[in-house]
């Protein structure tokens, strides 16, 4: 899966959860400061990502997320094949 395919599939997970515009979901955006997420939002996002990409994400991986780019990297690292 290409980086663009990951982005194209992940951005709707953010917009559905947060009600933000797709343009706000950029790699450098901070989850808490930039997008206004809290810990519950982060857990819900992780669940949405797991469902969308059919991957499993550990609690430690979720806790380490700081930016949208971290989420993209997490998806990439957990994709099989």
N, C-alpha and C. Protein backbone atom coordinates (compact mmCIF):
# COMPACT_ATOMS: atom_id res chain seq x y z
N UNK A 1 0.85 -1.17 0.00
CA UNK A 1 0.00 0.00 0.00
C UNK A 1 0.90 1.24 0.00
N UNK A 2 0.59 2.17 -0.84
CA UNK A 2 1.40 3.39 -0.94
C UNK A 2 1.08 4.35 0.21
N UNK A 3 1.97 5.31 0.41
CA UNK A 3 1.76 6.33 1.43
C UNK A 3 0.46 7.09 1.16
N UNK A 4 0.20 7.41 -0.11
CA UNK A 4 -1.01 8.14 -0.46
C UNK A 4 -2.26 7.32 -0.18
N UNK A 5 -2.20 6.01 -0.42
CA UNK A 5 -3.35 5.15 -0.12
C UNK A 5 -3.62 5.12 1.38
N UNK A 6 -2.55 5.09 2.18
CA UNK A 6 -2.72 5.13 3.64
C UNK A 6 -3.39 6.44 4.04
N UNK A 7 -2.89 7.54 3.51
CA UNK A 7 -3.46 8.85 3.83
C UNK A 7 -4.92 8.93 3.40
N UNK A 8 -5.21 8.48 2.18
CA UNK A 8 -6.57 8.55 1.65
C UNK A 8 -7.57 7.75 2.49
N UNK A 9 -7.10 6.66 3.09
CA UNK A 9 -7.99 5.84 3.91
C UNK A 9 -8.02 6.28 5.37
N UNK A 10 -6.94 6.91 5.84
CA UNK A 10 -6.87 7.32 7.25
C UNK A 10 -7.56 8.65 7.52
N UNK A 11 -7.46 9.58 6.59
CA UNK A 11 -8.03 10.91 6.81
C UNK A 11 -9.53 10.84 7.15
N UNK A 12 -10.33 10.03 6.46
CA UNK A 12 -11.75 9.96 6.85
C UNK A 12 -11.97 9.46 8.27
N UNK A 13 -11.05 8.66 8.80
CA UNK A 13 -11.16 8.22 10.20
C UNK A 13 -11.06 9.42 11.13
N UNK A 14 -10.14 10.34 10.82
CA UNK A 14 -10.00 11.56 11.61
C UNK A 14 -11.22 12.46 11.47
N UNK A 15 -11.65 12.68 10.24
CA UNK A 15 -12.75 13.63 10.01
C UNK A 15 -14.06 13.12 10.61
N UNK A 16 -14.29 11.82 10.54
CA UNK A 16 -15.51 11.26 11.12
C UNK A 16 -15.51 11.39 12.64
N UNK A 17 -14.37 11.17 13.24
CA UNK A 17 -14.27 11.22 14.70
C UNK A 17 -14.30 12.65 15.23
N UNK A 18 -13.57 13.53 14.57
CA UNK A 18 -13.37 14.88 15.10
C UNK A 18 -14.24 15.94 14.46
N UNK A 19 -14.82 15.63 13.31
CA UNK A 19 -15.61 16.63 12.60
C UNK A 19 -14.75 17.73 12.02
N UNK A 20 -13.46 17.45 11.82
CA UNK A 20 -12.55 18.45 11.26
C UNK A 20 -12.53 18.35 9.73
N UNK A 21 -11.96 19.35 9.12
CA UNK A 21 -11.83 19.34 7.67
C UNK A 21 -10.64 18.46 7.28
N UNK A 22 -10.73 17.78 6.14
CA UNK A 22 -9.62 16.93 5.70
C UNK A 22 -8.30 17.69 5.57
N UNK A 23 -8.37 18.99 5.24
CA UNK A 23 -7.16 19.79 5.08
C UNK A 23 -6.39 19.94 6.39
N UNK A 24 -7.09 19.75 7.51
CA UNK A 24 -6.43 19.88 8.82
C UNK A 24 -5.61 18.65 9.18
N UNK A 25 -5.89 17.54 8.50
CA UNK A 25 -5.23 16.27 8.81
C UNK A 25 -3.97 16.15 7.97
N UNK A 26 -2.91 16.79 8.46
CA UNK A 26 -1.60 16.76 7.79
C UNK A 26 -0.59 16.12 8.73
N UNK A 27 0.46 15.58 8.16
CA UNK A 27 1.43 14.80 8.93
C UNK A 27 1.97 15.54 10.16
N UNK A 28 2.19 16.84 10.04
CA UNK A 28 2.77 17.59 11.15
C UNK A 28 1.78 18.03 12.22
N UNK A 29 0.50 17.82 12.00
CA UNK A 29 -0.51 18.27 12.97
C UNK A 29 -0.43 17.45 14.26
N UNK A 30 -0.39 18.14 15.38
CA UNK A 30 -0.38 17.48 16.67
C UNK A 30 -1.80 17.00 16.99
N UNK A 31 -1.88 15.80 17.53
CA UNK A 31 -3.19 15.23 17.83
C UNK A 31 -3.90 16.02 18.93
N UNK A 32 -3.18 16.32 20.01
CA UNK A 32 -3.81 17.01 21.13
C UNK A 32 -3.87 18.51 20.88
N UNK A 33 -2.75 19.14 20.63
CA UNK A 33 -2.73 20.59 20.47
C UNK A 33 -3.35 21.07 19.17
N UNK A 34 -3.03 20.39 18.07
CA UNK A 34 -3.49 20.84 16.77
C UNK A 34 -4.91 20.45 16.44
N UNK A 35 -5.24 19.19 16.70
CA UNK A 35 -6.58 18.70 16.35
C UNK A 35 -7.52 18.65 17.54
N UNK A 36 -7.00 18.94 18.73
CA UNK A 36 -7.85 19.01 19.91
C UNK A 36 -8.32 17.66 20.44
N UNK A 37 -7.58 16.61 20.13
CA UNK A 37 -7.97 15.28 20.61
C UNK A 37 -7.64 15.13 22.09
N UNK A 38 -8.43 14.28 22.77
CA UNK A 38 -8.09 13.90 24.13
C UNK A 38 -7.81 12.40 24.14
N UNK A 39 -7.57 11.83 25.31
CA UNK A 39 -7.18 10.41 25.37
C UNK A 39 -8.29 9.50 24.85
N UNK A 40 -9.53 9.83 25.09
CA UNK A 40 -10.63 9.01 24.59
C UNK A 40 -10.69 9.07 23.06
N UNK A 41 -10.50 10.26 22.51
CA UNK A 41 -10.46 10.41 21.05
C UNK A 41 -9.36 9.55 20.45
N UNK A 42 -8.21 9.53 21.11
CA UNK A 42 -7.08 8.76 20.61
C UNK A 42 -7.41 7.27 20.58
N UNK A 43 -8.06 6.80 21.61
CA UNK A 43 -8.46 5.38 21.66
C UNK A 43 -9.48 5.09 20.56
N UNK A 44 -10.45 5.98 20.39
CA UNK A 44 -11.46 5.79 19.35
C UNK A 44 -10.83 5.83 17.96
N UNK A 45 -9.85 6.71 17.77
CA UNK A 45 -9.16 6.78 16.49
C UNK A 45 -8.41 5.48 16.24
N UNK A 46 -7.73 4.97 17.26
CA UNK A 46 -6.99 3.71 17.12
C UNK A 46 -7.94 2.57 16.72
N UNK A 47 -9.11 2.53 17.33
CA UNK A 47 -10.09 1.50 16.98
C UNK A 47 -10.55 1.65 15.53
N UNK A 48 -10.78 2.88 15.10
CA UNK A 48 -11.20 3.13 13.72
C UNK A 48 -10.10 2.73 12.74
N UNK A 49 -8.86 3.04 13.08
CA UNK A 49 -7.71 2.68 12.24
C UNK A 49 -7.57 1.16 12.16
N UNK A 50 -7.72 0.50 13.31
CA UNK A 50 -7.64 -0.97 13.33
C UNK A 50 -8.69 -1.59 12.40
N UNK A 51 -9.89 -1.06 12.46
CA UNK A 51 -10.97 -1.58 11.63
C UNK A 51 -10.73 -1.28 10.14
N UNK A 52 -10.35 -0.05 9.84
CA UNK A 52 -10.15 0.36 8.45
C UNK A 52 -9.02 -0.41 7.77
N UNK A 53 -7.94 -0.64 8.50
CA UNK A 53 -6.76 -1.26 7.90
C UNK A 53 -6.57 -2.73 8.29
N UNK A 54 -7.50 -3.25 9.09
CA UNK A 54 -7.45 -4.65 9.54
C UNK A 54 -6.09 -4.96 10.17
N UNK A 55 -5.72 -4.11 11.15
CA UNK A 55 -4.48 -4.29 11.89
C UNK A 55 -4.79 -4.27 13.37
N UNK A 56 -3.81 -4.67 14.19
CA UNK A 56 -3.95 -4.57 15.63
C UNK A 56 -2.86 -3.63 16.15
N UNK A 57 -3.26 -2.73 17.02
CA UNK A 57 -2.37 -1.73 17.55
C UNK A 57 -2.31 -1.91 19.07
N UNK A 58 -1.11 -1.93 19.62
CA UNK A 58 -0.96 -2.11 21.07
C UNK A 58 -1.26 -0.81 21.81
N UNK A 59 -1.57 -0.94 23.09
CA UNK A 59 -1.81 0.24 23.92
C UNK A 59 -0.58 1.13 23.96
N UNK A 60 0.60 0.53 24.02
CA UNK A 60 1.84 1.30 24.06
C UNK A 60 2.02 2.11 22.78
N UNK A 61 1.66 1.52 21.64
CA UNK A 61 1.76 2.24 20.36
C UNK A 61 0.80 3.43 20.35
N UNK A 62 -0.40 3.23 20.86
CA UNK A 62 -1.39 4.31 20.89
C UNK A 62 -0.91 5.44 21.79
N UNK A 63 -0.35 5.09 22.96
CA UNK A 63 0.13 6.11 23.90
C UNK A 63 1.28 6.92 23.33
N UNK A 64 2.03 6.35 22.40
CA UNK A 64 3.20 7.03 21.83
C UNK A 64 2.83 7.99 20.70
N UNK A 65 1.59 7.99 20.27
CA UNK A 65 1.18 8.85 19.15
C UNK A 65 1.16 10.32 19.57
N UNK A 66 1.81 11.16 18.75
CA UNK A 66 1.81 12.59 19.04
C UNK A 66 1.31 13.43 17.88
N UNK A 67 1.53 12.94 16.65
CA UNK A 67 1.13 13.70 15.47
C UNK A 67 0.36 12.80 14.50
N UNK A 68 -0.24 13.42 13.52
CA UNK A 68 -0.91 12.67 12.46
C UNK A 68 0.11 11.80 11.73
N UNK A 69 1.31 12.33 11.53
CA UNK A 69 2.37 11.55 10.89
C UNK A 69 2.70 10.29 11.67
N UNK A 70 2.64 10.36 13.01
CA UNK A 70 2.86 9.17 13.83
C UNK A 70 1.79 8.12 13.54
N UNK A 71 0.57 8.57 13.33
CA UNK A 71 -0.52 7.63 13.01
C UNK A 71 -0.25 6.96 11.67
N UNK A 72 0.15 7.75 10.68
CA UNK A 72 0.47 7.18 9.36
C UNK A 72 1.60 6.16 9.47
N UNK A 73 2.63 6.49 10.25
CA UNK A 73 3.77 5.59 10.44
C UNK A 73 3.34 4.31 11.16
N UNK A 74 2.46 4.45 12.13
CA UNK A 74 1.95 3.29 12.87
C UNK A 74 1.20 2.36 11.93
N UNK A 75 0.39 2.91 11.07
CA UNK A 75 -0.34 2.10 10.09
C UNK A 75 0.65 1.37 9.19
N UNK A 76 1.58 2.10 8.65
CA UNK A 76 2.59 1.53 7.75
C UNK A 76 3.34 0.37 8.42
N UNK A 77 3.73 0.57 9.68
CA UNK A 77 4.49 -0.44 10.41
C UNK A 77 3.67 -1.70 10.71
N UNK A 78 2.36 -1.54 10.80
CA UNK A 78 1.52 -2.67 11.18
C UNK A 78 0.86 -3.38 10.00
N UNK A 79 0.98 -2.81 8.82
CA UNK A 79 0.39 -3.46 7.64
C UNK A 79 1.18 -4.73 7.32
N UNK A 80 0.48 -5.77 6.96
CA UNK A 80 1.12 -7.02 6.62
C UNK A 80 1.37 -7.06 5.11
N UNK A 81 2.60 -7.48 4.77
CA UNK A 81 2.95 -7.63 3.35
C UNK A 81 3.00 -6.31 2.69
